[in-house]
């Protein structure tokens, strides 16, 4: 039987994986897709832990239908959307 739950969800609000659950962008740091040897990984830190998720490579049966390059692009897009929305909610910064 196939598990229909997504292995990875990226959104304007944060990152969600099966293992670490939902993590808000405000709590996520050092997110990146990297390629040691011939495998692609998603890495990020969050309060209380970190996630190092194998995305593709010679040792992996891909459960994702999105390429690591696309995931790296989406990390950039969603992180920046979060930052723009955060700035809009907080309003302009004033100097005293």
Protein backbone atom coordinates (compact mmCIF):
# COMPACT_ATOMS: atom_id res chain seq x y z
CA UNK A 1 0.00 0.00 0.00
CA UNK A 2 1.24 3.49 -0.83
CA UNK A 3 1.33 6.29 1.71
CA UNK A 4 -0.44 9.25 0.09
CA UNK A 5 0.77 11.78 2.68
CA UNK A 6 3.34 14.16 1.16
CA UNK A 7 6.93 13.55 2.28
CA UNK A 8 7.67 17.29 2.11
CA UNK A 9 5.43 20.36 2.17
CA UNK A 10 6.85 23.85 1.56
CA UNK A 11 4.57 26.85 2.01
CA UNK A 12 4.57 30.54 2.83
CA UNK A 13 4.23 29.50 6.48
CA UNK A 14 7.05 26.94 6.79
CA UNK A 15 8.32 23.43 6.12
CA UNK A 16 6.61 20.16 7.00
CA UNK A 17 8.09 16.66 6.78
CA UNK A 18 6.88 13.30 8.00
CA UNK A 19 9.65 13.05 10.59
CA UNK A 20 9.83 16.59 12.02
CA UNK A 21 6.29 17.82 11.49
CA UNK A 22 5.55 21.46 10.72
CA UNK A 23 8.21 24.10 11.40
CA UNK A 24 7.45 27.79 10.89
CA UNK A 25 9.90 29.89 8.84
CA UNK A 26 10.47 31.98 11.96
CA UNK A 27 11.98 28.89 13.59
CA UNK A 28 13.83 27.43 10.58
CA UNK A 29 17.48 28.28 9.98
CA UNK A 30 20.24 27.18 7.63
CA UNK A 31 17.87 25.66 5.09
CA UNK A 32 19.60 24.39 1.96
CA UNK A 33 19.67 21.68 -0.67
CA UNK A 34 23.17 20.25 -0.98
CA UNK A 35 24.84 17.45 -2.92
CA UNK A 36 27.60 15.50 -1.21
CA UNK A 37 28.81 12.74 -3.51
CA UNK A 38 25.88 11.70 -5.73
CA UNK A 39 22.90 12.25 -3.42
CA UNK A 40 20.75 15.36 -2.93
CA UNK A 41 19.76 16.38 0.60
CA UNK A 42 17.52 19.00 2.18
CA UNK A 43 18.96 20.26 5.46
CA UNK A 44 17.51 22.70 7.98
CA UNK A 45 17.63 23.44 11.69
CA UNK A 46 14.72 24.21 13.98
CA UNK A 47 14.32 24.57 17.76
CA UNK A 48 15.10 21.22 19.31
CA UNK A 49 16.60 19.58 16.27
CA UNK A 50 17.58 19.49 12.64
CA UNK A 51 16.47 17.61 9.55
CA UNK A 52 18.71 16.07 6.90
CA UNK A 53 16.34 14.62 4.29
CA UNK A 54 17.58 12.53 1.38
CA UNK A 55 15.87 13.88 -1.75
CA UNK A 56 17.43 11.82 -4.52
CA UNK A 57 20.49 9.85 -5.48
CA UNK A 58 21.92 6.41 -5.94
CA UNK A 59 20.63 5.15 -2.57
CA UNK A 60 17.12 6.54 -2.83
CA UNK A 61 13.78 5.45 -4.23
CA UNK A 62 12.26 8.86 -4.90
CA UNK A 63 8.98 9.44 -3.09
CA UNK A 64 9.01 13.07 -4.23
CA UNK A 65 7.75 14.21 -7.60
CA UNK A 66 9.80 17.42 -7.45
CA UNK A 67 13.48 17.67 -8.36
CA UNK A 68 16.08 18.80 -5.80
CA UNK A 69 16.81 21.85 -7.98
CA UNK A 70 13.12 22.82 -7.86
CA UNK A 71 13.03 22.26 -4.08
CA UNK A 72 16.04 24.59 -3.66
CA UNK A 73 14.22 27.23 -5.72
CA UNK A 74 11.02 26.80 -3.67
CA UNK A 75 12.98 27.15 -0.40
CA UNK A 76 14.21 30.52 -1.67
CA UNK A 77 10.75 31.61 -2.85
CA UNK A 78 8.85 30.62 0.29
CA UNK A 79 11.50 31.96 2.70
CA UNK A 80 11.41 35.33 0.93
CA UNK A 81 7.61 35.42 0.82
CA UNK A 82 7.60 34.80 4.55
CA UNK A 83 10.08 37.63 5.11
CA UNK A 84 8.10 40.03 2.89
CA UNK A 85 4.83 39.16 4.65
CA UNK A 86 6.51 39.53 8.04
CA UNK A 87 7.81 42.99 7.08
CA UNK A 88 4.34 43.99 5.83
CA UNK A 89 2.71 42.83 9.08
CA UNK A 90 5.25 44.66 11.23
CA UNK A 91 5.03 47.86 9.21
CA UNK A 92 7.79 50.32 8.46
CA UNK A 93 10.62 50.56 10.93
CA UNK A 94 11.01 53.90 12.64
CA UNK A 95 14.10 55.29 14.27
CA UNK A 96 13.67 56.97 17.64
